[in-house]
PDB file of N, CA and C in Angstrom:
ATOM      1  N   MET A   1      40.923 322.092   2.738  1.00  0.00           N
ATOM      2  CA  MET A   1      40.772 323.567   2.482  1.00  0.00           C
ATOM      3  C   MET A   1      39.658 323.675   1.531  1.00  0.00           C
ATOM      4  N   SER A   2      38.896 324.692   1.756  1.00  0.00           N
ATOM      5  CA  SER A   2      37.538 324.917   0.920  1.00  0.00           C
ATOM      6  C   SER A   2      37.918 325.509  -0.405  1.00  0.00           C
ATOM      7  N   ASP A   3      39.198 326.116  -0.629  1.00  0.00           N
ATOM      8  CA  ASP A   3      39.472 326.795  -1.855  1.00  0.00           C
ATOM      9  C   ASP A   3      40.092 325.718  -2.950  1.00  0.00           C
ATOM     10  N   ARG A   4      40.297 324.549  -2.439  1.00  0.00           N
ATOM     11  CA  ARG A   4      40.828 323.456  -3.306  1.00  0.00           C
ATOM     12  C   ARG A   4      39.871 322.943  -4.334  1.00  0.00           C
ATOM     13  N   ILE A   5      40.208 322.601  -5.470  1.00  0.00           N
ATOM     14  CA  ILE A   5      39.295 322.188  -6.584  1.00  0.00           C
ATOM     15  C   ILE A   5      39.766 320.798  -6.924  1.00  0.00           C
ATOM     16  N   GLU A   6      38.814 319.893  -6.733  1.00  0.00           N
ATOM     17  CA  GLU A   6      39.095 318.404  -7.316  1.00  0.00           C
ATOM     18  C   GLU A   6      39.160 318.374  -8.811  1.00  0.00           C
ATOM     19  N   LEU A   7      39.957 317.383  -9.276  1.00  0.00           N
ATOM     20  CA  LEU A   7      40.174 317.233 -10.649  1.00  0.00           C
ATOM     21  C   LEU A   7      38.892 316.841 -11.352  1.00  0.00           C
ATOM     22  N   ALA A   8      37.972 316.104 -10.701  1.00  0.00           N
ATOM     23  CA  ALA A   8      36.638 315.731 -11.205  1.00  0.00           C
ATOM     24  C   ALA A   8      35.801 316.981 -11.352  1.00  0.00           C
ATOM     25  N   GLU A   9      35.944 318.006 -10.508  1.00  0.00           N
ATOM     26  CA  GLU A   9      35.194 319.209 -10.637  1.00  0.00           C
ATOM     27  C   GLU A   9      35.520 320.047 -11.873  1.00  0.00           C
ATOM     28  N   VAL A  10      36.811 320.081 -12.083  1.00  0.00           N
ATOM     29  CA  VAL A  10      37.353 320.715 -13.201  1.00  0.00           C
ATOM     30  C   VAL A  10      36.734 320.248 -14.511  1.00  0.00           C
ATOM     31  N   VAL A  11      36.771 318.819 -14.576  1.00  0.00           N
ATOM     32  CA  VAL A  11      36.351 318.122 -15.958  1.00  0.00           C
ATOM     33  C   VAL A  11      34.880 318.333 -16.026  1.00  0.00           C
ATOM     34  N   GLY A  12      34.113 318.290 -14.927  1.00  0.00           N
ATOM     35  CA  GLY A  12      32.677 318.524 -14.908  1.00  0.00           C
ATOM     36  C   GLY A  12      32.274 319.954 -15.382  1.00  0.00           C
ATOM     37  N   ALA A  13      33.089 320.857 -14.934  1.00  0.00           N
ATOM     38  CA  ALA A  13      32.852 322.252 -15.374  1.00  0.00           C
ATOM     39  C   ALA A  13      33.036 322.514 -16.818  1.00  0.00           C
ATOM     40  N   VAL A  14      34.071 321.848 -17.430  1.00  0.00           N
ATOM     41  CA  VAL A  14      34.326 321.875 -18.832  1.00  0.00           C
ATOM     42  C   VAL A  14      33.033 321.192 -19.549  1.00  0.00           C
ATOM     43  N   ARG A  15      32.730 320.028 -19.134  1.00  0.00           N
ATOM     44  CA  ARG A  15      31.546 319.415 -19.635  1.00  0.00           C
ATOM     45  C   ARG A  15      30.285 320.261 -19.704  1.00  0.00           C
ATOM     46  N   ASP A  16      30.003 320.789 -18.479  1.00  0.00           N
ATOM     47  CA  ASP A  16      28.835 321.591 -18.379  1.00  0.00           C
ATOM     48  C   ASP A  16      28.886 322.916 -19.255  1.00  0.00           C
ATOM     49  N   GLY A  17      30.039 323.617 -19.384  1.00  0.00           N
ATOM     50  CA  GLY A  17      30.267 324.675 -20.281  1.00  0.00           C
ATOM     51  C   GLY A  17      30.056 324.287 -21.667  1.00  0.00           C
ATOM     52  N   LEU A  18      30.486 323.226 -22.159  1.00  0.00           N
ATOM     53  CA  LEU A  18      30.249 322.695 -23.527  1.00  0.00           C
ATOM     54  C   LEU A  18      28.734 322.436 -23.768  1.00  0.00           C
ATOM     55  N   MET A  19      28.067 321.909 -22.849  1.00  0.00           N
ATOM     56  CA  MET A  19      26.735 321.557 -22.958  1.00  0.00           C
ATOM     57  C   MET A  19      25.919 322.887 -23.073  1.00  0.00           C
ATOM     58  N   GLU A  20      26.311 323.859 -22.348  1.00  0.00           N
ATOM     59  CA  GLU A  20      25.730 325.298 -22.372  1.00  0.00           C
ATOM     60  C   GLU A  20      25.800 325.891 -23.681  1.00  0.00           C
ATOM     61  N   ALA A  21      27.136 325.845 -24.258  1.00  0.00           N
ATOM     62  CA  ALA A  21      27.378 326.347 -25.469  1.00  0.00           C
ATOM     63  C   ALA A  21      26.669 325.666 -26.633  1.00  0.00           C
ATOM     64  N   ALA A  22      26.327 324.378 -26.438  1.00  0.00           N
ATOM     65  CA  ALA A  22      25.591 323.752 -27.535  1.00  0.00           C
ATOM     66  C   ALA A  22      24.152 324.292 -27.518  1.00  0.00           C
ATOM     67  N   SER A  23      23.619 324.466 -26.296  1.00  0.00           N
ATOM     68  CA  SER A  23      22.280 324.939 -26.066  1.00  0.00           C
ATOM     69  C   SER A  23      22.051 326.361 -26.641  1.00  0.00           C
ATOM     70  N   GLN A  24      22.998 327.186 -26.378  1.00  0.00           N
ATOM     71  CA  GLN A  24      23.028 328.616 -26.849  1.00  0.00           C
ATOM     72  C   GLN A  24      23.330 328.652 -28.309  1.00  0.00           C
ATOM     73  N   GLY A  25      23.738 327.708 -28.931  1.00  0.00           N
ATOM     74  CA  GLY A  25      24.156 327.819 -30.400  1.00  0.00           C
ATOM     75  C   GLY A  25      22.977 327.307 -31.228  1.00  0.00           C
ATOM     76  N   THR A  26      21.787 326.840 -30.593  1.00  0.00           N
ATOM     77  CA  THR A  26      20.672 326.356 -31.409  1.00  0.00           C
ATOM     78  C   THR A  26      20.077 327.433 -32.148  1.00  0.00           C
ATOM     79  N   GLY A  27      19.830 327.082 -33.497  1.00  0.00           N
ATOM     80  CA  GLY A  27      19.289 328.184 -34.407  1.00  0.00           C
ATOM     81  C   GLY A  27      20.316 329.019 -35.151  1.00  0.00           C
ATOM     82  N   GLN A  28      21.508 328.825 -34.691  1.00  0.00           N
ATOM     83  CA  GLN A  28      22.522 329.512 -35.378  1.00  0.00           C
ATOM     84  C   GLN A  28      22.983 329.018 -36.651  1.00  0.00           C
ATOM     85  N   GLY A  29      23.466 329.976 -37.597  1.00  0.00           N
ATOM     86  CA  GLY A  29      23.785 329.426 -39.021  1.00  0.00           C
ATOM     87  C   GLY A  29      25.114 328.754 -38.956  1.00  0.00           C
ATOM     88  N   LEU A  30      25.878 328.785 -37.914  1.00  0.00           N
ATOM     89  CA  LEU A  30      27.275 328.212 -37.885  1.00  0.00           C
ATOM     90  C   LEU A  30      27.301 327.249 -36.687  1.00  0.00           C
ATOM     91  N   ARG A  31      27.843 325.971 -37.078  1.00  0.00           N
ATOM     92  CA  ARG A  31      27.990 324.876 -36.081  1.00  0.00           C
ATOM     93  C   ARG A  31      29.450 324.597 -36.024  1.00  0.00           C
ATOM     94  N   PHE A  32      29.963 324.214 -34.801  1.00  0.00           N
ATOM     95  CA  PHE A  32      31.305 323.725 -34.764  1.00  0.00           C
ATOM     96  C   PHE A  32      31.310 322.334 -34.348  1.00  0.00           C
ATOM     97  N   GLU A  33      32.185 321.556 -35.044  1.00  0.00           N
ATOM     98  CA  GLU A  33      32.449 320.201 -34.584  1.00  0.00           C
ATOM     99  C   GLU A  33      33.369 320.223 -33.346  1.00  0.00           C
ATOM    100  N   LEU A  34      33.024 319.584 -32.331  1.00  0.00           N
ATOM    101  CA  LEU A  34      33.964 319.607 -31.112  1.00  0.00           C
ATOM    102  C   LEU A  34      35.032 318.476 -31.313  1.00  0.00           C
ATOM    103  N   GLY A  35      36.292 318.925 -31.408  1.00  0.00           N
ATOM    104  CA  GLY A  35      37.364 318.011 -31.449  1.00  0.00           C
ATOM    105  C   GLY A  35      37.912 317.523 -30.094  1.00  0.00           C
ATOM    106  N   ASP A  36      39.056 316.944 -30.144  1.00  0.00           N
ATOM    107  CA  ASP A  36      39.625 316.428 -28.929  1.00  0.00           C
ATOM    108  C   ASP A  36      39.873 317.597 -27.915  1.00  0.00           C
ATOM    109  N   ILE A  37      39.705 317.355 -26.656  1.00  0.00           N
ATOM    110  CA  ILE A  37      39.839 318.299 -25.649  1.00  0.00           C
ATOM    111  C   ILE A  37      41.098 317.887 -24.879  1.00  0.00           C
ATOM    112  N   GLN A  38      42.207 318.592 -24.958  1.00  0.00           N
ATOM    113  CA  GLN A  38      43.462 318.405 -24.208  1.00  0.00           C
ATOM    114  C   GLN A  38      43.402 319.107 -22.981  1.00  0.00           C
ATOM    115  N   MET A  39      43.737 318.527 -21.831  1.00  0.00           N
ATOM    116  CA  MET A  39      43.665 319.162 -20.540  1.00  0.00           C
ATOM    117  C   MET A  39      45.005 318.803 -19.837  1.00  0.00           C
ATOM    118  N   GLU A  40      45.444 319.750 -19.129  1.00  0.00           N
ATOM    119  CA  GLU A  40      46.828 319.589 -18.476  1.00  0.00           C
ATOM    120  C   GLU A  40      46.773 320.377 -17.152  1.00  0.00           C
ATOM    121  N   PHE A  41      47.027 319.726 -16.085  1.00  0.00           N
ATOM    122  CA  PHE A  41      46.930 320.309 -14.651  1.00  0.00           C
ATOM    123  C   PHE A  41      48.170 319.887 -13.848  1.00  0.00           C
ATOM    124  N   VAL A  42      48.436 320.631 -12.877  1.00  0.00           N
ATOM    125  CA  VAL A  42      49.504 320.292 -11.819  1.00  0.00           C
ATOM    126  C   VAL A  42      48.583 319.857 -10.668  1.00  0.00           C
ATOM    127  N   VAL A  43      48.688 318.722 -10.197  1.00  0.00           N
ATOM    128  CA  VAL A  43      47.833 318.262  -9.121  1.00  0.00           C
ATOM    129  C   VAL A  43      48.766 317.924  -7.926  1.00  0.00           C
ATOM    130  N   GLU A  44      48.031 318.013  -6.677  1.00  0.00           N
ATOM    131  CA  GLU A  44      48.770 317.583  -5.459  1.00  0.00           C
ATOM    132  C   GLU A  44      47.966 316.300  -4.940  1.00  0.00           C
ATOM    133  N   MET A  45      48.701 315.194  -4.632  1.00  0.00           N
ATOM    134  CA  MET A  45      47.988 313.961  -4.358  1.00  0.00           C
ATOM    135  C   MET A  45      48.068 313.975  -2.652  1.00  0.00           C
ATOM    136  N   ARG A  46      46.733 313.803  -2.206  1.00  0.00           N
ATOM    137  CA  ARG A  46      46.590 313.842  -0.781  1.00  0.00           C
ATOM    138  C   ARG A  46      45.812 312.639  -0.357  1.00  0.00           C
ATOM    139  N   ARG A  47      46.211 311.988   0.812  1.00  0.00           N
ATOM    140  CA  ARG A  47      45.392 310.962   1.303  1.00  0.00           C
ATOM    141  C   ARG A  47      44.167 311.478   2.007  1.00  0.00           C
ATOM    142  N   ASP A  48      43.057 310.880   1.787  1.00  0.00           N
ATOM    143  CA  ASP A  48      41.714 311.413   2.263  1.00  0.00           C
ATOM    144  C   ASP A  48      40.970 310.214   2.702  1.00  0.00           C
ATOM    145  N   ALA A  49      40.690 310.139   4.055  1.00  0.00           N
ATOM    146  CA  ALA A  49      39.920 309.008   4.664  1.00  0.00           C
ATOM    147  C   ALA A  49      38.516 308.920   4.018  1.00  0.00           C
ATOM    148  N   ARG A  50      38.031 310.066   3.550  1.00  0.00           N
ATOM    149  CA  ARG A  50      36.581 310.048   3.025  1.00  0.00           C
ATOM    150  C   ARG A  50      36.672 309.540   1.429  1.00  0.00           C
ATOM    151  N   ALA A  51      37.771 309.623   0.685  1.00  0.00           N
ATOM    152  CA  ALA A  51      37.821 309.109  -0.571  1.00  0.00           C
ATOM    153  C   ALA A  51      37.779 307.589  -0.639  1.00  0.00           C
ATOM    154  N   ARG A  52      37.145 306.930  -1.570  1.00  0.00           N
ATOM    155  CA  ARG A  52      36.983 305.595  -1.687  1.00  0.00           C
ATOM    156  C   ARG A  52      38.212 304.930  -1.793  1.00  0.00           C
ATOM    157  N   GLY A  53      39.037 305.458  -2.586  1.00  0.00           N
ATOM    158  CA  GLY A  53      40.393 304.716  -2.836  1.00  0.00           C
ATOM    159  C   GLY A  53      41.511 305.361  -1.764  1.00  0.00           C
ATOM    160  N   GLY A  54      41.217 306.243  -0.959  1.00  0.00           N
ATOM    161  CA  GLY A  54      42.085 306.875   0.003  1.00  0.00           C
ATOM    162  C   GLY A  54      42.904 307.937  -0.506  1.00  0.00           C
ATOM    163  N   VAL A  55      42.768 308.378  -1.731  1.00  0.00           N
ATOM    164  CA  VAL A  55      43.563 309.275  -2.378  1.00  0.00           C
ATOM    165  C   VAL A  55      42.718 310.352  -3.262  1.00  0.00           C
ATOM    166  N   LYS A  56      43.043 311.632  -3.038  1.00  0.00           N
ATOM    167  CA  LYS A  56      42.304 312.560  -3.989  1.00  0.00           C
ATOM    168  C   LYS A  56      43.388 313.410  -4.701  1.00  0.00           C
ATOM    169  N   ALA A  57      43.038 313.927  -5.909  1.00  0.00           N
ATOM    170  CA  ALA A  57      43.888 314.666  -6.730  1.00  0.00           C
ATOM    171  C   ALA A  57      43.288 316.065  -6.701  1.00  0.00           C
ATOM    172  N   TRP A  58      44.030 317.014  -6.236  1.00  0.00           N
ATOM    173  CA  TRP A  58      43.630 318.467  -6.183  1.00  0.00           C
ATOM    174  C   TRP A  58      44.466 319.201  -7.131  1.00  0.00           C
ATOM    175  N   VAL A  59      43.711 320.175  -7.827  1.00  0.00           N
ATOM    176  CA  VAL A  59      44.311 320.924  -8.918  1.00  0.00           C
ATOM    177  C   VAL A  59      45.088 322.046  -8.057  1.00  0.00           C
ATOM    178  N   VAL A  60      46.256 322.278  -8.526  1.00  0.00           N
ATOM    179  CA  VAL A  60      47.095 323.295  -7.777  1.00  0.00           C
ATOM    180  C   VAL A  60      47.082 324.512  -8.573  1.00  0.00           C
ATOM    181  N   ASP A  61      46.750 325.783  -7.916  1.00  0.00           N
ATOM    182  CA  ASP A  61      46.798 326.995  -8.513  1.00  0.00           C
ATOM    183  C   ASP A  61      48.320 327.444  -8.546  1.00  0.00           C
ATOM    184  N   ALA A  62      48.973 327.847  -9.603  1.00  0.00           N
ATOM    185  CA  ALA A  62      50.331 328.093  -9.681  1.00  0.00           C
ATOM    186  C   ALA A  62      50.867 329.057  -8.545  1.00  0.00           C
ATOM    187  N   GLY A  63      50.113 329.945  -8.172  1.00  0.00           N
ATOM    188  CA  GLY A  63      50.664 330.918  -7.182  1.00  0.00           C
ATOM    189  C   GLY A  63      49.957 331.012  -5.980  1.00  0.00           C
ATOM    190  N   ALA A  64      48.828 330.142  -5.682  1.00  0.00           N
ATOM    191  CA  ALA A  64      47.849 330.274  -4.572  1.00  0.00           C
ATOM    192  C   ALA A  64      48.453 329.703  -3.278  1.00  0.00           C
ATOM    193  N   GLU A  65      49.050 328.508  -3.296  1.00  0.00           N
ATOM    194  CA  GLU A  65      49.396 327.821  -2.124  1.00  0.00           C
ATOM    195  C   GLU A  65      50.927 327.902  -1.967  1.00  0.00           C
ATOM    196  N   ALA A  66      51.499 328.705  -1.032  1.00  0.00           N
ATOM    197  CA  ALA A  66      52.914 328.782  -0.810  1.00  0.00           C
ATOM    198  C   ALA A  66      53.261 327.446  -0.045  1.00  0.00           C
ATOM    199  N   GLY A  67      52.493 326.818   0.643  1.00  0.00           N
ATOM    200  CA  GLY A  67      52.864 325.587   1.395  1.00  0.00           C
ATOM    201  C   GLY A  67      52.899 324.308   0.706  1.00  0.00           C
ATOM    202  N   VAL A  68      52.679 324.370  -0.711  1.00  0.00           N
ATOM    203  CA  VAL A  68      52.669 323.138  -1.465  1.00  0.00           C
ATOM    204  C   VAL A  68      54.032 323.205  -2.129  1.00  0.00           C
ATOM    205  N   SER A  69      54.844 322.300  -1.869  1.00  0.00           N
ATOM    206  CA  SER A  69      56.268 322.131  -2.636  1.00  0.00           C
ATOM    207  C   SER A  69      55.973 321.501  -3.860  1.00  0.00           C
ATOM    208  N   THR A  70      56.936 321.753  -4.871  1.00  0.00           N
ATOM    209  CA  THR A  70      56.944 321.156  -6.183  1.00  0.00           C
ATOM    210  C   THR A  70      57.115 319.648  -6.107  1.00  0.00           C
ATOM    211  N   ALA A  71      57.849 319.229  -4.997  1.00  0.00           N
ATOM    212  CA  ALA A  71      58.101 317.878  -4.832  1.00  0.00           C
ATOM    213  C   ALA A  71      56.938 317.015  -4.608  1.00  0.00           C
ATOM    214  N   GLY A  72      55.832 317.688  -4.080  1.00  0.00           N
ATOM    215  CA  GLY A  72      54.598 316.947  -3.684  1.00  0.00           C
ATOM    216  C   GLY A  72      53.552 317.170  -4.807  1.00  0.00           C
ATOM    217  N   THR A  73      53.876 317.669  -6.013  1.00  0.00           N
ATOM    218  CA  THR A  73      52.919 317.851  -7.020  1.00  0.00           C
ATOM    219  C   THR A  73      53.344 316.956  -8.303  1.00  0.00           C
ATOM    220  N   HIS A  74      52.266 316.736  -9.056  1.00  0.00           N
ATOM    221  CA  HIS A  74      52.458 315.909 -10.194  1.00  0.00           C
ATOM    222  C   HIS A  74      51.783 316.496 -11.378  1.00  0.00           C
ATOM    223  N   LYS A  75      52.338 316.537 -12.640  1.00  0.00           N
ATOM    224  CA  LYS A  75      51.673 316.993 -13.736  1.00  0.00           C
ATOM    225  C   LYS A  75      50.787 315.864 -14.344  1.00  0.00           C
ATOM    226  N   VAL A  76      49.531 316.131 -14.690  1.00  0.00           N
ATOM    227  CA  VAL A  76      48.661 315.302 -15.219  1.00  0.00           C
ATOM    228  C   VAL A  76      48.150 315.796 -16.559  1.00  0.00           C
ATOM    229  N   SER A  77      48.313 315.054 -17.661  1.00  0.00           N
ATOM    230  CA  SER A  77      47.838 315.468 -18.990  1.00  0.00           C
ATOM    231  C   SER A  77      47.003 314.365 -19.541  1.00  0.00           C
ATOM    232  N   PHE A  78      45.834 314.771 -20.173  1.00  0.00           N
ATOM    233  CA  PHE A  78      45.015 313.724 -20.790  1.00  0.00           C
ATOM    234  C   PHE A  78      44.253 314.386 -21.909  1.00  0.00           C
ATOM    235  N   THR A  79      43.662 313.552 -22.845  1.00  0.00           N
ATOM    236  CA  THR A  79      42.861 314.117 -23.912  1.00  0.00           C
ATOM    237  C   THR A  79      41.424 313.402 -23.825  1.00  0.00           C
ATOM    238  N   LEU A  80      40.501 314.157 -23.950  1.00  0.00           N
ATOM    239  CA  LEU A  80      39.113 313.784 -23.750  1.00  0.00           C
ATOM    240  C   LEU A  80      38.585 313.604 -25.257  1.00  0.00           C
ATOM    241  N   LYS A  81      37.908 312.768 -25.643  1.00  0.00           N
ATOM    242  CA  LYS A  81      37.245 312.555 -26.966  1.00  0.00           C
ATOM    243  C   LYS A  81      35.656 312.538 -26.689  1.00  0.00           C
ATOM    244  N   PRO A  82      35.055 313.836 -26.891  1.00  0.00           N
ATOM    245  CA  PRO A  82      33.549 313.876 -26.488  1.00  0.00           C
ATOM    246  C   PRO A  82      32.704 313.053 -27.364  1.00  0.00           C
ATOM    247  N   ARG A  83      31.841 312.412 -26.865  1.00  0.00           N
ATOM    248  CA  ARG A  83      30.868 311.492 -27.712  1.00  0.00           C
ATOM    249  C   ARG A  83      29.521 311.718 -27.135  1.00  0.00           C
ATOM    250  N   ASN A  84      28.481 311.698 -28.061  1.00  0.00           N
ATOM    251  CA  ASN A  84      27.113 311.605 -27.738  1.00  0.00           C
ATOM    252  C   ASN A  84      26.769 310.238 -27.293  1.00  0.00           C
ATOM    253  N   THR A  85      26.358 310.206 -25.969  1.00  0.00           N
ATOM    254  CA  THR A  85      26.127 308.829 -25.388  1.00  0.00           C
ATOM    255  C   THR A  85      24.887 308.164 -26.097  1.00  0.00           C
ATOM    256  N   ALA A  86      24.026 308.860 -26.693  1.00  0.00           N
ATOM    257  CA  ALA A  86      22.904 308.299 -27.482  1.00  0.00           C
ATOM    258  C   ALA A  86      23.320 307.712 -28.772  1.00  0.00           C
ATOM    259  N   THR A  87      24.238 308.259 -29.462  1.00  0.00           N
ATOM    260  CA  THR A  87      24.546 307.921 -30.724  1.00  0.00           C
ATOM    261  C   THR A  87      25.963 307.317 -31.031  1.00  0.00           C
ATOM    262  N   GLY A  88      26.810 307.702 -30.042  1.00  0.00           N
ATOM    263  CA  GLY A  88      28.241 307.313 -30.079  1.00  0.00           C
ATOM    264  C   GLY A  88      29.071 308.058 -31.056  1.00  0.00           C
ATOM    265  N   GLN A  89      28.436 309.169 -31.736  1.00  0.00           N
ATOM    266  CA  GLN A  89      29.062 309.969 -32.683  1.00  0.00           C
ATOM    267  C   GLN A  89      29.708 311.170 -31.929  1.00  0.00           C
ATOM    268  N   GLY A  90      30.562 311.800 -32.724  1.00  0.00           N
ATOM    269  CA  GLY A  90      31.141 313.099 -32.244  1.00  0.00           C
ATOM    270  C   GLY A  90      30.078 314.094 -31.860  1.00  0.00           C
ATOM    271  N   TRP A  91      30.499 315.184 -31.351  1.00  0.00           N
ATOM    272  CA  TRP A  91      29.432 316.194 -30.807  1.00  0.00           C
ATOM    273  C   TRP A  91      29.632 317.423 -31.546  1.00  0.00           C
ATOM    274  N   LEU A  92      28.594 318.161 -31.887  1.00  0.00           N
ATOM    275  CA  LEU A  92      28.583 319.487 -32.467  1.00  0.00           C
ATOM    276  C   LEU A  92      28.011 320.485 -31.343  1.00  0.00           C
ATOM    277  N   ILE A  93      28.724 321.533 -31.540  1.00  0.00           N
ATOM    278  CA  ILE A  93      28.311 322.792 -30.596  1.00  0.00           C
ATOM    279  C   ILE A  93      27.356 323.497 -31.475  1.00  0.00           C
ATOM    280  N   ALA A  94      26.035 323.418 -31.186  1.00  0.00           N
ATOM    281  CA  ALA A  94      24.848 323.866 -31.623  1.00  0.00           C
ATOM    282  C   ALA A  94      24.111 322.745 -32.219  1.00  0.00           C
ATOM    283  N   ALA A  95      23.241 322.136 -31.457  1.00  0.00           N
ATOM    284  CA  ALA A  95      22.432 320.949 -31.868  1.00  0.00           C
ATOM    285  C   ALA A  95      21.566 321.281 -32.878  1.00  0.00           C
ATOM    286  N   ASP A  96      21.052 320.312 -33.697  1.00  0.00           N
ATOM    287  CA  ASP A  96      19.942 320.573 -34.550  1.00  0.00           C
ATOM    288  C   ASP A  96      18.683 320.755 -33.840  1.00  0.00           C
ATOM    289  N   ASP A  97      18.500 320.067 -32.697  1.00  0.00           N
ATOM    290  CA  ASP A  97      17.308 320.124 -31.886  1.00  0.00           C
ATOM    291  C   ASP A  97      17.461 321.294 -30.850  1.00  0.00           C
ATOM    292  N   GLU A  98      16.288 321.677 -30.311  1.00  0.00           N
ATOM    293  CA  GLU A  98      16.307 322.864 -29.428  1.00  0.00           C
ATOM    294  C   GLU A  98      17.124 322.425 -28.198  1.00  0.00           C
ATOM    295  N   GLY A  99      18.298 322.838 -28.135  1.00  0.00           N
ATOM    296  CA  GLY A  99      19.049 322.620 -26.886  1.00  0.00           C
ATOM    297  C   GLY A  99      19.094 321.176 -26.504  1.00  0.00           C
ATOM    298  N   ASP A 100      19.131 320.194 -27.291  1.00  0.00           N
ATOM    299  CA  ASP A 100      19.042 318.869 -27.110  1.00  0.00           C
ATOM    300  C   ASP A 100      20.281 318.389 -26.567  1.00  0.00           C
ATOM    301  N   VAL A 101      20.365 318.146 -25.163  1.00  0.00           N
ATOM    302  CA  VAL A 101      21.476 317.446 -24.529  1.00  0.00           C
ATOM    303  C   VAL A 101      20.980 316.167 -23.773  1.00  0.00           C
ATOM    304  N   SER A 102      20.020 315.639 -24.313  1.00  0.00           N
ATOM    305  CA  SER A 102      19.260 314.449 -23.671  1.00  0.00           C
ATOM    306  C   SER A 102      20.189 313.253 -23.620  1.00  0.00           C
ATOM    307  N   GLY A 103      21.145 313.158 -24.447  1.00  0.00           N
ATOM    308  CA  GLY A 103      21.938 312.021 -24.534  1.00  0.00           C
ATOM    309  C   GLY A 103      23.105 312.048 -23.462  1.00  0.00           C
ATOM    310  N   PHE A 104      23.097 313.114 -22.784  1.00  0.00           N
ATOM    311  CA  PHE A 104      24.068 313.304 -21.735  1.00  0.00           C
ATOM    312  C   PHE A 104      23.397 313.113 -20.423  1.00  0.00           C
ATOM    313  N   SER A 105      23.717 312.191 -19.633  1.00  0.00           N
ATOM    314  CA  SER A 105      23.098 311.856 -18.412  1.00  0.00           C
ATOM    315  C   SER A 105      23.470 312.927 -17.317  1.00  0.00           C
ATOM    316  N   ALA A 106      22.472 313.410 -16.531  1.00  0.00           N
ATOM    317  CA  ALA A 106      22.716 314.271 -15.438  1.00  0.00           C
ATOM    318  C   ALA A 106      23.562 313.617 -14.475  1.00  0.00           C
ATOM    319  N   ALA A 107      23.312 312.321 -14.319  1.00  0.00           N
ATOM    320  CA  ALA A 107      23.991 311.592 -13.138  1.00  0.00           C
ATOM    321  C   ALA A 107      25.501 311.533 -13.386  1.00  0.00           C
ATOM    322  N   VAL A 108      25.998 311.464 -14.561  1.00  0.00           N
ATOM    323  CA  VAL A 108      27.406 311.649 -14.976  1.00  0.00           C
ATOM    324  C   VAL A 108      27.909 313.035 -14.483  1.00  0.00           C
ATOM    325  N   ARG A 109      27.135 314.066 -14.762  1.00  0.00           N
ATOM    326  CA  ARG A 109      27.576 315.509 -14.462  1.00  0.00           C
ATOM    327  C   ARG A 109      27.592 315.663 -12.869  1.00  0.00           C
ATOM    328  N   ASP A 110      26.750 314.945 -12.189  1.00  0.00           N
ATOM    329  CA  ASP A 110      26.578 315.228 -10.611  1.00  0.00           C
ATOM    330  C   ASP A 110      27.706 314.440  -9.861  1.00  0.00           C
TER     331      ASP A 110
END
């Protein structure tokens, strides 16, 4: 179904949003240290012949799919610790450099 969202897409969208916020914060007098990011989703596990491991996790919208039973869903919770890949340090929203996100590989986002 085309309206389903893969778990990887959700995490990628959060990453892209944080990178955009860092770029927009350049030159501002206030910076935010980015702390742990806690994410929690209800997912539906489905076998998919196109998936390398044979299974995909789809984020379930609470009211969108009447055909998905709660018996077929799983709650997934995790915490992300954002790190600058170039320095290994924590990350600030509003970089010192002009929108510098060079330490974050585009290949990881794609």
